[in-house]
């Protein structure tokens, strides 16, 4: 087993559980190679370097650490099983998979669970995402919020930073193409997801989501004309009110988004680069993750 963990995620909570986790893994008969991440990109690098010799790779950290581990796994000639012990501030994907929040129970789920296949997204053919690729209003919050602030405030950190960016909403003219249609509008926000929870909120995506059906859920919001329209959009998204003329929702296995200027993207809570054209494709059931049955 390769056990990769981010020691700073989620108020550094793994410090109080590390011995319990290692005891569970050792008791299950695993020969464990432990790697403590040293910085951004390190988790993906160690998985690429050592992953081909492993039968199981276990990740502990937040959504960004999970993204790195899976990105490294996607480049291996043979894909090992994946285990996940969530330790971040929000842990959207763990919630979608119903992985236990308590670290000891999550470790038990790794050694006693069964493999569950999940879809993975390719982003511009050189990056990957596990559960969300997004642009526009509020998306910069996740990667501009410092780890220290996340650790102090937890989920509240995202909300505080989000409020600061309300006045900075700017539209971007885009053309969007997918298998069954196309749009050309001024958009303020968009996300391509494979999750039942985004930023800790379950109301943002359809709760009938399947994580291994080969399609993504897409949500796009065009520029509202007035502050009242913006308020109505928020009500629609969170309170499930009547359909809103500014919100587009659909499912697709691939999508292309082109913009007149460079647009910043976020992949699983981390900066995904600034692009004028994005091609996203669903790789169905590409990774098998261990979870309770």
C-alpha atoms as a PDB file:
ATOM      1  CA  UNK A   1       0.000   0.000   0.000  1.00  0.00           C
ATOM      2  CA  UNK A   2       1.067   3.546  -0.769  1.00  0.00           C
ATOM      3  CA  UNK A   3      -0.438   5.827   1.888  1.00  0.00           C
ATOM      4  CA  UNK A   4      -0.256   9.493   0.873  1.00  0.00           C
ATOM      5  CA  UNK A   5      -1.520  12.150   3.275  1.00  0.00           C
ATOM      6  CA  UNK A   6      -1.601  15.930   3.524  1.00  0.00           C
ATOM      7  CA  UNK A   7      -0.676  16.806   7.133  1.00  0.00           C
ATOM      8  CA  UNK A   8      -2.252  20.273   6.959  1.00  0.00           C
ATOM      9  CA  UNK A   9      -5.738  19.433   5.674  1.00  0.00           C
ATOM     10  CA  UNK A  10      -8.802  20.036   7.834  1.00  0.00           C
ATOM     11  CA  UNK A  11      -7.240  21.593  10.928  1.00  0.00           C
ATOM     12  CA  UNK A  12      -4.415  19.039  10.741  1.00  0.00           C
ATOM     13  CA  UNK A  13      -6.774  16.448  12.181  1.00  0.00           C
ATOM     14  CA  UNK A  14      -4.793  13.443  10.930  1.00  0.00           C
ATOM     15  CA  UNK A  15      -2.204  14.072  13.662  1.00  0.00           C
ATOM     16  CA  UNK A  16      -4.568  12.648  16.249  1.00  0.00           C
ATOM     17  CA  UNK A  17      -5.549   9.623  14.153  1.00  0.00           C
ATOM     18  CA  UNK A  18      -2.383   8.545  12.372  1.00  0.00           C
ATOM     19  CA  UNK A  19      -1.469   5.688  14.725  1.00  0.00           C
ATOM     20  CA  UNK A  20      -5.016   4.325  14.635  1.00  0.00           C
ATOM     21  CA  UNK A  21      -5.039   4.408  10.813  1.00  0.00           C
ATOM     22  CA  UNK A  22      -1.650   2.719  10.484  1.00  0.00           C
ATOM     23  CA  UNK A  23      -2.676   0.065  13.011  1.00  0.00           C
ATOM     24  CA  UNK A  24      -5.801  -0.726  10.989  1.00  0.00           C
ATOM     25  CA  UNK A  25      -3.818  -1.013   7.754  1.00  0.00           C
ATOM     26  CA  UNK A  26      -1.060  -3.128   9.331  1.00  0.00           C
ATOM     27  CA  UNK A  27      -3.619  -5.383  11.017  1.00  0.00           C
ATOM     28  CA  UNK A  28      -5.175  -6.028   7.605  1.00  0.00           C
ATOM     29  CA  UNK A  29      -1.823  -7.343   6.371  1.00  0.00           C
ATOM     30  CA  UNK A  30      -0.636  -4.428   4.240  1.00  0.00           C
ATOM     31  CA  UNK A  31       3.021  -3.557   3.704  1.00  0.00           C
ATOM     32  CA  UNK A  32       2.719   0.238   3.964  1.00  0.00           C
ATOM     33  CA  UNK A  33       4.807   2.885   2.228  1.00  0.00           C
ATOM     34  CA  UNK A  34       3.933   6.218   3.876  1.00  0.00           C
ATOM     35  CA  UNK A  35       4.423   9.535   2.112  1.00  0.00           C
ATOM     36  CA  UNK A  36       3.763  12.923   3.728  1.00  0.00           C
ATOM     37  CA  UNK A  37       3.050  15.531   1.040  1.00  0.00           C
ATOM     38  CA  UNK A  38       5.615  18.320   0.844  1.00  0.00           C
ATOM     39  CA  UNK A  39       3.721  20.824  -1.276  1.00  0.00           C
ATOM     40  CA  UNK A  40       1.517  21.320  -4.297  1.00  0.00           C
ATOM     41  CA  UNK A  41       2.013  18.638  -6.945  1.00  0.00           C
ATOM     42  CA  UNK A  42       3.897  16.293  -4.625  1.00  0.00           C
ATOM     43  CA  UNK A  43       1.054  13.769  -4.204  1.00  0.00           C
ATOM     44  CA  UNK A  44       0.682  13.327  -7.959  1.00  0.00           C
ATOM     45  CA  UNK A  45       4.452  12.984  -8.371  1.00  0.00           C
ATOM     46  CA  UNK A  46       4.850  10.244  -5.750  1.00  0.00           C
ATOM     47  CA  UNK A  47       1.905   8.306  -7.181  1.00  0.00           C
ATOM     48  CA  UNK A  48       3.443   8.443 -10.656  1.00  0.00           C
ATOM     49  CA  UNK A  49       6.812   7.337  -9.247  1.00  0.00           C
ATOM     50  CA  UNK A  50       5.698   4.501  -6.959  1.00  0.00           C
ATOM     51  CA  UNK A  51       2.113   3.678  -7.938  1.00  0.00           C
ATOM     52  CA  UNK A  52       2.852   0.995 -10.504  1.00  0.00           C
ATOM     53  CA  UNK A  53       4.314  -1.243  -7.778  1.00  0.00           C
ATOM     54  CA  UNK A  54       1.280  -0.878  -5.491  1.00  0.00           C
ATOM     55  CA  UNK A  55      -1.900  -2.914  -5.193  1.00  0.00           C
ATOM     56  CA  UNK A  56      -3.636  -0.107  -3.297  1.00  0.00           C
ATOM     57  CA  UNK A  57      -3.147   3.651  -3.010  1.00  0.00           C
ATOM     58  CA  UNK A  58      -4.759   5.406  -0.039  1.00  0.00           C
ATOM     59  CA  UNK A  59      -5.135   9.164   0.096  1.00  0.00           C
ATOM     60  CA  UNK A  60      -5.925  11.327   3.113  1.00  0.00           C
ATOM     61  CA  UNK A  61      -6.526  15.031   2.715  1.00  0.00           C
ATOM     62  CA  UNK A  62      -9.006  17.377   1.116  1.00  0.00           C
ATOM     63  CA  UNK A  63     -10.503  17.427  -2.359  1.00  0.00           C
ATOM     64  CA  UNK A  64      -7.313  18.939  -3.817  1.00  0.00           C
ATOM     65  CA  UNK A  65      -5.128  16.138  -2.448  1.00  0.00           C
ATOM     66  CA  UNK A  66      -7.561  13.554  -3.800  1.00  0.00           C
ATOM     67  CA  UNK A  67      -7.399  15.258  -7.206  1.00  0.00           C
ATOM     68  CA  UNK A  68      -3.609  15.021  -7.225  1.00  0.00           C
ATOM     69  CA  UNK A  69      -3.565  11.342  -6.270  1.00  0.00           C
ATOM     70  CA  UNK A  70      -6.122  10.417  -8.925  1.00  0.00           C
ATOM     71  CA  UNK A  71      -4.320  12.561 -11.519  1.00  0.00           C
ATOM     72  CA  UNK A  72      -1.176  10.547 -10.818  1.00  0.00           C
ATOM     73  CA  UNK A  73      -3.108   7.276 -11.004  1.00  0.00           C
ATOM     74  CA  UNK A  74      -4.575   8.195 -14.406  1.00  0.00           C
ATOM     75  CA  UNK A  75      -1.049   8.164 -15.859  1.00  0.00           C
ATOM     76  CA  UNK A  76      -0.110   4.689 -14.599  1.00  0.00           C
ATOM     77  CA  UNK A  77      -0.044   1.735 -17.033  1.00  0.00           C
ATOM     78  CA  UNK A  78      -2.112  -0.285 -14.524  1.00  0.00           C
ATOM     79  CA  UNK A  79      -4.542   1.437 -12.180  1.00  0.00           C
ATOM     80  CA  UNK A  80      -4.458   0.211  -8.538  1.00  0.00           C
ATOM     81  CA  UNK A  81      -7.442   0.353  -6.211  1.00  0.00           C
ATOM     82  CA  UNK A  82      -7.997   3.654  -4.387  1.00  0.00           C
ATOM     83  CA  UNK A  83      -8.843   4.271  -0.737  1.00  0.00           C
ATOM     84  CA  UNK A  84      -9.821   7.681   0.643  1.00  0.00           C
ATOM     85  CA  UNK A  85      -9.774   9.046   4.189  1.00  0.00           C
ATOM     86  CA  UNK A  86     -11.271  12.566   3.965  1.00  0.00           C
ATOM     87  CA  UNK A  87      -9.582  15.269   6.032  1.00  0.00           C
ATOM     88  CA  UNK A  88     -10.409  18.546   4.286  1.00  0.00           C
ATOM     89  CA  UNK A  89     -12.689  21.482   5.076  1.00  0.00           C
ATOM     90  CA  UNK A  90     -15.591  20.432   2.854  1.00  0.00           C
ATOM     91  CA  UNK A  91     -14.951  16.972   1.334  1.00  0.00           C
ATOM     92  CA  UNK A  92     -17.661  17.145  -1.321  1.00  0.00           C
ATOM     93  CA  UNK A  93     -16.728  13.952  -3.093  1.00  0.00           C
ATOM     94  CA  UNK A  94     -16.456  11.906   0.099  1.00  0.00           C
ATOM     95  CA  UNK A  95     -20.002  13.002   0.923  1.00  0.00           C
ATOM     96  CA  UNK A  96     -21.157  11.840  -2.511  1.00  0.00           C
ATOM     97  CA  UNK A  97     -19.601   8.415  -1.898  1.00  0.00           C
ATOM     98  CA  UNK A  98     -20.913   8.248   1.688  1.00  0.00           C
ATOM     99  CA  UNK A  99     -17.406   7.698   3.007  1.00  0.00           C
ATOM    100  CA  UNK A 100     -17.404   8.025   6.830  1.00  0.00           C
ATOM    101  CA  UNK A 101     -16.276  11.360   8.260  1.00  0.00           C
ATOM    102  CA  UNK A 102     -14.569   9.717  11.226  1.00  0.00           C
ATOM    103  CA  UNK A 103     -11.056   8.812  10.137  1.00  0.00           C
ATOM    104  CA  UNK A 104     -10.918   5.443  11.887  1.00  0.00           C
ATOM    105  CA  UNK A 105     -14.151   4.330  10.249  1.00  0.00           C
ATOM    106  CA  UNK A 106     -12.934   5.569   6.872  1.00  0.00           C
ATOM    107  CA  UNK A 107      -9.767   3.487   7.296  1.00  0.00           C
ATOM    108  CA  UNK A 108     -11.901   0.446   8.161  1.00  0.00           C
ATOM    109  CA  UNK A 109     -13.919   1.074   4.993  1.00  0.00           C
ATOM    110  CA  UNK A 110     -10.682   0.919   2.995  1.00  0.00           C
ATOM    111  CA  UNK A 111      -9.672  -2.520   4.301  1.00  0.00           C
ATOM    112  CA  UNK A 112     -13.181  -4.008   4.486  1.00  0.00           C
ATOM    113  CA  UNK A 113     -14.973  -2.217   1.672  1.00  0.00           C
ATOM    114  CA  UNK A 114     -15.683  -3.206  -1.897  1.00  0.00           C
ATOM    115  CA  UNK A 115     -14.496  -1.472  -5.069  1.00  0.00           C
ATOM    116  CA  UNK A 116     -16.912   1.053  -6.552  1.00  0.00           C
ATOM    117  CA  UNK A 117     -16.154   2.422 -10.048  1.00  0.00           C
ATOM    118  CA  UNK A 118     -16.241   6.196 -10.530  1.00  0.00           C
ATOM    119  CA  UNK A 119     -16.079   8.438 -13.585  1.00  0.00           C
ATOM    120  CA  UNK A 120     -13.134  10.817 -14.008  1.00  0.00           C
ATOM    121  CA  UNK A 121     -13.095  13.998 -16.091  1.00  0.00           C
ATOM    122  CA  UNK A 122     -10.341  14.938 -18.520  1.00  0.00           C
ATOM    123  CA  UNK A 123      -9.740  18.676 -18.857  1.00  0.00           C
ATOM    124  CA  UNK A 124      -8.042  19.907 -22.050  1.00  0.00           C
ATOM    125  CA  UNK A 125      -6.341  16.493 -22.325  1.00  0.00           C
ATOM    126  CA  UNK A 126      -3.600  17.512 -19.849  1.00  0.00           C
ATOM    127  CA  UNK A 127      -5.476  17.740 -16.533  1.00  0.00           C
ATOM    128  CA  UNK A 128      -8.048  15.684 -14.628  1.00  0.00           C
ATOM    129  CA  UNK A 129     -10.852  16.375 -12.196  1.00  0.00           C
ATOM    130  CA  UNK A 130     -12.744  14.114  -9.853  1.00  0.00           C
ATOM    131  CA  UNK A 131     -15.984  15.969  -9.189  1.00  0.00           C
ATOM    132  CA  UNK A 132     -16.017  19.558 -10.483  1.00  0.00           C
ATOM    133  CA  UNK A 133     -14.587  21.865 -13.136  1.00  0.00           C
ATOM    134  CA  UNK A 134     -15.914  25.406 -12.775  1.00  0.00           C
ATOM    135  CA  UNK A 135     -15.428  29.009 -13.881  1.00  0.00           C
ATOM    136  CA  UNK A 136     -16.801  32.413 -12.960  1.00  0.00           C
ATOM    137  CA  UNK A 137     -18.271  33.991  -9.842  1.00  0.00           C
ATOM    138  CA  UNK A 138     -17.012  32.579  -6.524  1.00  0.00           C
ATOM    139  CA  UNK A 139     -14.810  29.890  -8.087  1.00  0.00           C
ATOM    140  CA  UNK A 140     -11.618  31.734  -7.161  1.00  0.00           C
ATOM    141  CA  UNK A 141     -12.641  31.496  -3.507  1.00  0.00           C
ATOM    142  CA  UNK A 142     -11.543  27.877  -3.157  1.00  0.00           C
ATOM    143  CA  UNK A 143      -7.964  28.390  -4.288  1.00  0.00           C
ATOM    144  CA  UNK A 144      -7.477  31.927  -2.937  1.00  0.00           C
ATOM    145  CA  UNK A 145      -8.515  30.976   0.608  1.00  0.00           C
ATOM    146  CA  UNK A 146      -5.318  30.149   2.500  1.00  0.00           C
ATOM    147  CA  UNK A 147      -4.860  26.765   4.138  1.00  0.00           C
ATOM    148  CA  UNK A 148      -4.421  28.474   7.508  1.00  0.00           C
ATOM    149  CA  UNK A 149      -7.751  30.252   7.140  1.00  0.00           C
ATOM    150  CA  UNK A 150      -9.432  27.017   6.079  1.00  0.00           C
ATOM    151  CA  UNK A 151      -7.989  25.308   9.145  1.00  0.00           C
ATOM    152  CA  UNK A 152      -9.156  28.062  11.509  1.00  0.00           C
ATOM    153  CA  UNK A 153     -12.633  28.546  10.117  1.00  0.00           C
ATOM    154  CA  UNK A 154     -13.380  25.345   8.215  1.00  0.00           C
ATOM    155  CA  UNK A 155     -16.331  25.616   5.839  1.00  0.00           C
ATOM    156  CA  UNK A 156     -17.034  29.201   7.017  1.00  0.00           C
ATOM    157  CA  UNK A 157     -13.828  30.308   5.263  1.00  0.00           C
ATOM    158  CA  UNK A 158     -15.371  29.728   1.849  1.00  0.00           C
ATOM    159  CA  UNK A 159     -18.510  31.638   2.771  1.00  0.00           C
ATOM    160  CA  UNK A 160     -16.543  34.647   4.050  1.00  0.00           C
ATOM    161  CA  UNK A 161     -14.390  34.854   0.939  1.00  0.00           C
ATOM    162  CA  UNK A 162     -17.438  34.341  -1.286  1.00  0.00           C
ATOM    163  CA  UNK A 163     -19.204  37.366   0.162  1.00  0.00           C
ATOM    164  CA  UNK A 164     -16.183  39.527  -0.690  1.00  0.00           C
ATOM    165  CA  UNK A 165     -16.415  38.573  -4.370  1.00  0.00           C
ATOM    166  CA  UNK A 166     -20.104  39.426  -4.865  1.00  0.00           C
ATOM    167  CA  UNK A 167     -19.326  42.913  -6.115  1.00  0.00           C
ATOM    168  CA  UNK A 168     -16.730  41.618  -8.569  1.00  0.00           C
ATOM    169  CA  UNK A 169     -19.043  39.518 -10.759  1.00  0.00           C
ATOM    170  CA  UNK A 170     -18.102  39.988 -14.413  1.00  0.00           C
ATOM    171  CA  UNK A 171     -19.693  38.201 -17.390  1.00  0.00           C
ATOM    172  CA  UNK A 172     -17.737  36.426 -20.105  1.00  0.00           C
ATOM    173  CA  UNK A 173     -19.026  35.829 -23.625  1.00  0.00           C
ATOM    174  CA  UNK A 174     -18.858  32.118 -24.394  1.00  0.00           C
ATOM    175  CA  UNK A 175     -19.928  29.516 -26.899  1.00  0.00           C
ATOM    176  CA  UNK A 176     -20.840  26.146 -25.404  1.00  0.00           C
ATOM    177  CA  UNK A 177     -21.237  22.968 -27.455  1.00  0.00           C
ATOM    178  CA  UNK A 178     -22.239  19.475 -26.341  1.00  0.00           C
ATOM    179  CA  UNK A 179     -23.726  16.356 -27.946  1.00  0.00           C
ATOM    180  CA  UNK A 180     -27.302  17.611 -27.975  1.00  0.00           C
ATOM    181  CA  UNK A 181     -27.053  21.364 -28.313  1.00  0.00           C
ATOM    182  CA  UNK A 182     -25.170  24.657 -28.185  1.00  0.00           C
ATOM    183  CA  UNK A 183     -25.415  28.041 -26.484  1.00  0.00           C
ATOM    184  CA  UNK A 184     -23.812  31.430 -26.979  1.00  0.00           C
ATOM    185  CA  UNK A 185     -24.323  33.808 -24.069  1.00  0.00           C
ATOM    186  CA  UNK A 186     -22.657  36.088 -21.531  1.00  0.00           C
ATOM    187  CA  UNK A 187     -22.097  33.755 -18.568  1.00  0.00           C
ATOM    188  CA  UNK A 188     -21.157  34.622 -14.984  1.00  0.00           C
ATOM    189  CA  UNK A 189     -20.768  31.069 -13.713  1.00  0.00           C
ATOM    190  CA  UNK A 190     -20.551  27.521 -14.954  1.00  0.00           C
ATOM    191  CA  UNK A 191     -19.730  24.103 -13.573  1.00  0.00           C
ATOM    192  CA  UNK A 192     -19.353  20.575 -14.900  1.00  0.00           C
ATOM    193  CA  UNK A 193     -19.842  18.138 -12.024  1.00  0.00           C
ATOM    194  CA  UNK A 194     -20.012  14.530 -10.925  1.00  0.00           C
ATOM    195  CA  UNK A 195     -21.127  14.948  -7.324  1.00  0.00           C
ATOM    196  CA  UNK A 196     -24.192  15.442  -5.133  1.00  0.00           C
ATOM    197  CA  UNK A 197     -22.550  18.220  -3.114  1.00  0.00           C
ATOM    198  CA  UNK A 198     -20.684  21.393  -4.152  1.00  0.00           C
ATOM    199  CA  UNK A 199     -19.084  23.556  -1.493  1.00  0.00           C
ATOM    200  CA  UNK A 200     -21.036  21.610   1.118  1.00  0.00           C
ATOM    201  CA  UNK A 201     -24.370  22.488  -0.528  1.00  0.00           C
ATOM    202  CA  UNK A 202     -26.516  19.655  -1.902  1.00  0.00           C
ATOM    203  CA  UNK A 203     -29.079  21.932  -3.552  1.00  0.00           C
ATOM    204  CA  UNK A 204     -26.765  23.017  -6.364  1.00  0.00           C
ATOM    205  CA  UNK A 205     -26.945  19.740  -8.276  1.00  0.00           C
ATOM    206  CA  UNK A 206     -29.599  17.181  -9.106  1.00  0.00           C
ATOM    207  CA  UNK A 207     -29.761  14.561  -6.364  1.00  0.00           C
ATOM    208  CA  UNK A 208     -30.302  11.776  -8.902  1.00  0.00           C
ATOM    209  CA  UNK A 209     -26.613  11.942  -9.798  1.00  0.00           C
ATOM    210  CA  UNK A 210     -24.872   8.634 -10.522  1.00  0.00           C
ATOM    211  CA  UNK A 211     -21.087   8.735 -10.130  1.00  0.00           C
ATOM    212  CA  UNK A 212     -20.484   6.022 -12.731  1.00  0.00           C
ATOM    213  CA  UNK A 213     -23.029   6.677 -15.497  1.00  0.00           C
ATOM    214  CA  UNK A 214     -20.608   8.241 -17.986  1.00  0.00           C
ATOM    215  CA  UNK A 215     -22.219  11.696 -17.946  1.00  0.00           C
ATOM    216  CA  UNK A 216     -21.644  14.970 -16.138  1.00  0.00           C
ATOM    217  CA  UNK A 217     -24.204  17.406 -14.763  1.00  0.00           C
ATOM    218  CA  UNK A 218     -23.735  20.887 -16.251  1.00  0.00           C
ATOM    219  CA  UNK A 219     -24.999  24.146 -14.757  1.00  0.00           C
ATOM    220  CA  UNK A 220     -24.541  27.492 -16.531  1.00  0.00           C
ATOM    221  CA  UNK A 221     -25.754  30.915 -15.406  1.00  0.00           C
ATOM    222  CA  UNK A 222     -25.995  33.812 -17.822  1.00  0.00           C
ATOM    223  CA  UNK A 223     -25.548  37.412 -16.777  1.00  0.00           C
ATOM    224  CA  UNK A 224     -28.600  38.755 -14.886  1.00  0.00           C
ATOM    225  CA  UNK A 225     -29.945  42.166 -15.844  1.00  0.00           C
ATOM    226  CA  UNK A 226     -30.652  43.431 -12.309  1.00  0.00           C
ATOM    227  CA  UNK A 227     -29.709  42.617  -8.685  1.00  0.00           C
ATOM    228  CA  UNK A 228     -33.245  41.259  -8.270  1.00  0.00           C
ATOM    229  CA  UNK A 229     -32.584  38.791 -11.084  1.00  0.00           C
ATOM    230  CA  UNK A 230     -29.423  37.668  -9.294  1.00  0.00           C
ATOM    231  CA  UNK A 231     -31.430  37.145  -6.121  1.00  0.00           C
ATOM    232  CA  UNK A 232     -33.955  35.057  -8.052  1.00  0.00           C
ATOM    233  CA  UNK A 233     -31.158  32.918  -9.469  1.00  0.00           C
ATOM    234  CA  UNK A 234     -29.811  32.220  -5.977  1.00  0.00           C
ATOM    235  CA  UNK A 235     -33.325  31.347  -4.787  1.00  0.00           C
ATOM    236  CA  UNK A 236     -33.809  28.971  -7.689  1.00  0.00           C
ATOM    237  CA  UNK A 237     -30.483  27.225  -7.093  1.00  0.00           C
ATOM    238  CA  UNK A 238     -30.820  26.792  -3.351  1.00  0.00           C
ATOM    239  CA  UNK A 239     -34.561  26.808  -2.660  1.00  0.00           C
ATOM    240  CA  UNK A 240     -35.786  24.846  -5.680  1.00  0.00           C
ATOM    241  CA  UNK A 241     -38.202  27.525  -6.851  1.00  0.00           C
ATOM    242  CA  UNK A 242     -39.707  27.748 -10.349  1.00  0.00           C
ATOM    243  CA  UNK A 243     -37.323  27.316 -13.341  1.00  0.00           C
ATOM    244  CA  UNK A 244     -35.244  30.416 -13.991  1.00  0.00           C
ATOM    245  CA  UNK A 245     -34.596  31.925 -17.396  1.00  0.00           C
ATOM    246  CA  UNK A 246     -30.965  32.608 -16.529  1.00  0.00           C
ATOM    247  CA  UNK A 247     -30.045  29.047 -15.483  1.00  0.00           C
ATOM    248  CA  UNK A 248     -29.274  26.207 -17.881  1.00  0.00           C
ATOM    249  CA  UNK A 249     -29.012  22.609 -16.652  1.00  0.00           C
ATOM    250  CA  UNK A 250     -28.282  19.509 -18.711  1.00  0.00           C
ATOM    251  CA  UNK A 251     -26.294  16.248 -18.774  1.00  0.00           C
ATOM    252  CA  UNK A 252     -23.520  15.340 -21.201  1.00  0.00           C
ATOM    253  CA  UNK A 253     -20.504  13.058 -21.588  1.00  0.00           C
ATOM    254  CA  UNK A 254     -18.415  15.741 -23.297  1.00  0.00           C
ATOM    255  CA  UNK A 255     -18.503  19.511 -23.679  1.00  0.00           C
ATOM    256  CA  UNK A 256     -16.515  22.289 -25.342  1.00  0.00           C
ATOM    257  CA  UNK A 257     -16.477  25.841 -23.994  1.00  0.00           C
ATOM    258  CA  UNK A 258     -14.831  28.689 -25.920  1.00  0.00           C
ATOM    259  CA  UNK A 259     -14.469  32.277 -24.695  1.00  0.00           C
ATOM    260  CA  UNK A 260     -13.367  35.568 -26.220  1.00  0.00           C
ATOM    261  CA  UNK A 261     -10.841  36.147 -23.444  1.00  0.00           C
ATOM    262  CA  UNK A 262      -8.929  33.911 -21.055  1.00  0.00           C
ATOM    263  CA  UNK A 263     -11.073  32.460 -18.263  1.00  0.00           C
ATOM    264  CA  UNK A 264      -9.795  31.096 -14.948  1.00  0.00           C
ATOM    265  CA  UNK A 265     -10.921  27.552 -14.150  1.00  0.00           C
ATOM    266  CA  UNK A 266     -11.003  25.633 -10.888  1.00  0.00           C
ATOM    267  CA  UNK A 267     -10.593  21.843 -10.743  1.00  0.00           C
ATOM    268  CA  UNK A 268     -11.673  20.189  -7.482  1.00  0.00           C
ATOM    269  CA  UNK A 269     -10.978  23.388  -5.550  1.00  0.00           C
ATOM    270  CA  UNK A 270      -7.546  24.083  -7.059  1.00  0.00           C
ATOM    271  CA  UNK A 271      -6.516  26.491  -9.808  1.00  0.00           C
ATOM    272  CA  UNK A 272      -6.879  24.762 -13.188  1.00  0.00           C
ATOM    273  CA  UNK A 273      -5.340  27.415 -15.406  1.00  0.00           C
ATOM    274  CA  UNK A 274      -6.536  30.279 -17.576  1.00  0.00           C
ATOM    275  CA  UNK A 275      -8.001  29.149 -20.910  1.00  0.00           C
ATOM    276  CA  UNK A 276      -9.841  30.432 -23.980  1.00  0.00           C
ATOM    277  CA  UNK A 277     -10.946  26.931 -25.014  1.00  0.00           C
ATOM    278  CA  UNK A 278     -11.791  23.983 -22.792  1.00  0.00           C
ATOM    279  CA  UNK A 279     -12.621  20.424 -23.850  1.00  0.00           C
ATOM    280  CA  UNK A 280     -14.028  18.163 -21.126  1.00  0.00           C
ATOM    281  CA  UNK A 281     -14.645  14.437 -21.520  1.00  0.00           C
ATOM    282  CA  UNK A 282     -16.041  11.828 -19.145  1.00  0.00           C
ATOM    283  CA  UNK A 283     -13.889   8.693 -18.657  1.00  0.00           C
ATOM    284  CA  UNK A 284     -16.493   6.258 -17.435  1.00  0.00           C
ATOM    285  CA  UNK A 285     -15.679   4.036 -14.428  1.00  0.00           C
ATOM    286  CA  UNK A 286     -11.971   4.857 -14.798  1.00  0.00           C
ATOM    287  CA  UNK A 287     -11.037   4.529 -11.090  1.00  0.00           C
ATOM    288  CA  UNK A 288     -12.222   1.970  -8.530  1.00  0.00           C
ATOM    289  CA  UNK A 289     -12.511   3.335  -5.000  1.00  0.00           C
ATOM    290  CA  UNK A 290     -13.075   1.247  -1.869  1.00  0.00           C
ATOM    291  CA  UNK A 291     -16.109   2.130   0.241  1.00  0.00           C
ATOM    292  CA  UNK A 292     -18.598   0.592   2.669  1.00  0.00           C
ATOM    293  CA  UNK A 293     -21.339  -1.453   1.036  1.00  0.00           C
END
